[in-house]
C-alpha atoms as a PDB file:
ATOM      1  CA  MET A   1      11.243   1.792 -19.874  1.00  0.00           C
ATOM      2  CA  GLU A   2      14.102   2.831 -17.397  1.00  0.00           C
ATOM      3  CA  TYR A   3      11.422   3.056 -14.605  1.00  0.00           C
ATOM      4  CA  SER A   4      10.321  -0.257 -15.060  1.00  0.00           C
ATOM      5  CA  VAL A   5      14.159  -2.008 -15.272  1.00  0.00           C
ATOM      6  CA  TRP A   6      14.505  -0.203 -11.776  1.00  0.00           C
ATOM      7  CA  LEU A   7      10.897  -1.743 -10.507  1.00  0.00           C
ATOM      8  CA  LEU A   8      12.390  -5.227 -11.188  1.00  0.00           C
ATOM      9  CA  ARG A   9      15.668  -4.792  -9.760  1.00  0.00           C
ATOM     10  CA  TYR A  10      13.735  -3.528  -6.427  1.00  0.00           C
ATOM     11  CA  ILE A  11      11.212  -6.297  -6.274  1.00  0.00           C
ATOM     12  CA  PHE A  12      14.075  -9.238  -7.118  1.00  0.00           C
ATOM     13  CA  LYS A  13      16.107  -7.664  -4.224  1.00  0.00           C
ATOM     14  CA  ASN A  14      13.085  -7.598  -1.714  1.00  0.00           C
ATOM     15  CA  LYS A  15      12.122 -11.279  -3.056  1.00  0.00           C
ATOM     16  CA  ASN A  16      15.668 -12.137  -2.197  1.00  0.00           C
ATOM     17  CA  LYS A  17      15.362 -10.737   1.487  1.00  0.00           C
ATOM     18  CA  ASN A  18      11.878 -12.286   2.105  1.00  0.00           C
ATOM     19  CA  LYS A  19      13.711 -15.260   0.812  1.00  0.00           C
ATOM     20  CA  ASN A  20      16.075 -15.249   3.899  1.00  0.00           C
ATOM     21  CA  LYS A  21      13.794 -13.971   6.170  1.00  0.00           C
ATOM     22  CA  ASN A  22      11.192 -17.179   5.186  1.00  0.00           C
ATOM     23  CA  LYS A  23      13.595 -19.924   5.530  1.00  0.00           C
ATOM     24  CA  ASN A  24      12.851 -20.352   9.410  1.00  0.00           C
ATOM     25  CA  LYS A  25       8.997 -19.843   8.558  1.00  0.00           C
ATOM     26  CA  ASN A  26       6.571 -22.082   6.979  1.00  0.00           C
ATOM     27  CA  LYS A  27       6.225 -22.914   3.459  1.00  0.00           C
ATOM     28  CA  LYS A  28       3.214 -21.538   3.333  1.00  0.00           C
ATOM     29  CA  ARG A  29       4.671 -18.206   3.927  1.00  0.00           C
ATOM     30  CA  GLU A  30       5.935 -18.118   0.225  1.00  0.00           C
ATOM     31  CA  ARG A  31       2.962 -16.984  -1.064  1.00  0.00           C
ATOM     32  CA  PRO A  32       3.717 -13.725  -1.821  1.00  0.00           C
ATOM     33  CA  ALA A  33       5.931 -14.421  -4.510  1.00  0.00           C
ATOM     34  CA  LEU A  34       2.878 -14.925  -6.568  1.00  0.00           C
ATOM     35  CA  ASN A  35       2.478 -10.918  -5.980  1.00  0.00           C
ATOM     36  CA  HIS A  36       5.982 -10.431  -7.794  1.00  0.00           C
ATOM     37  CA  ASN A  37       5.064 -12.293 -10.733  1.00  0.00           C
ATOM     38  CA  LEU A  38       1.967 -10.207 -11.007  1.00  0.00           C
ATOM     39  CA  LEU A  39       3.785  -7.287 -11.216  1.00  0.00           C
ATOM     40  CA  ILE A  40       6.122  -8.205 -13.642  1.00  0.00           C
ATOM     41  CA  VAL A  41       3.611  -9.350 -15.875  1.00  0.00           C
ATOM     42  CA  LEU A  42       1.756  -6.067 -15.318  1.00  0.00           C
ATOM     43  CA  ILE A  43       4.855  -4.463 -16.166  1.00  0.00           C
ATOM     44  CA  SER A  44       5.669  -6.173 -19.419  1.00  0.00           C
ATOM     45  CA  PHE A  45       2.381  -5.194 -20.918  1.00  0.00           C
END
């Protein structure tokens, strides 16, 4: 349980990092956010 909480924190931290990085890039580059959602769903099972 503690591990999944840590993983979620890690994912969200990276998501914010990527958001700032992608501001100057195309909207198409925001696709990887899907992977984060898939990971969250996998963790919840």
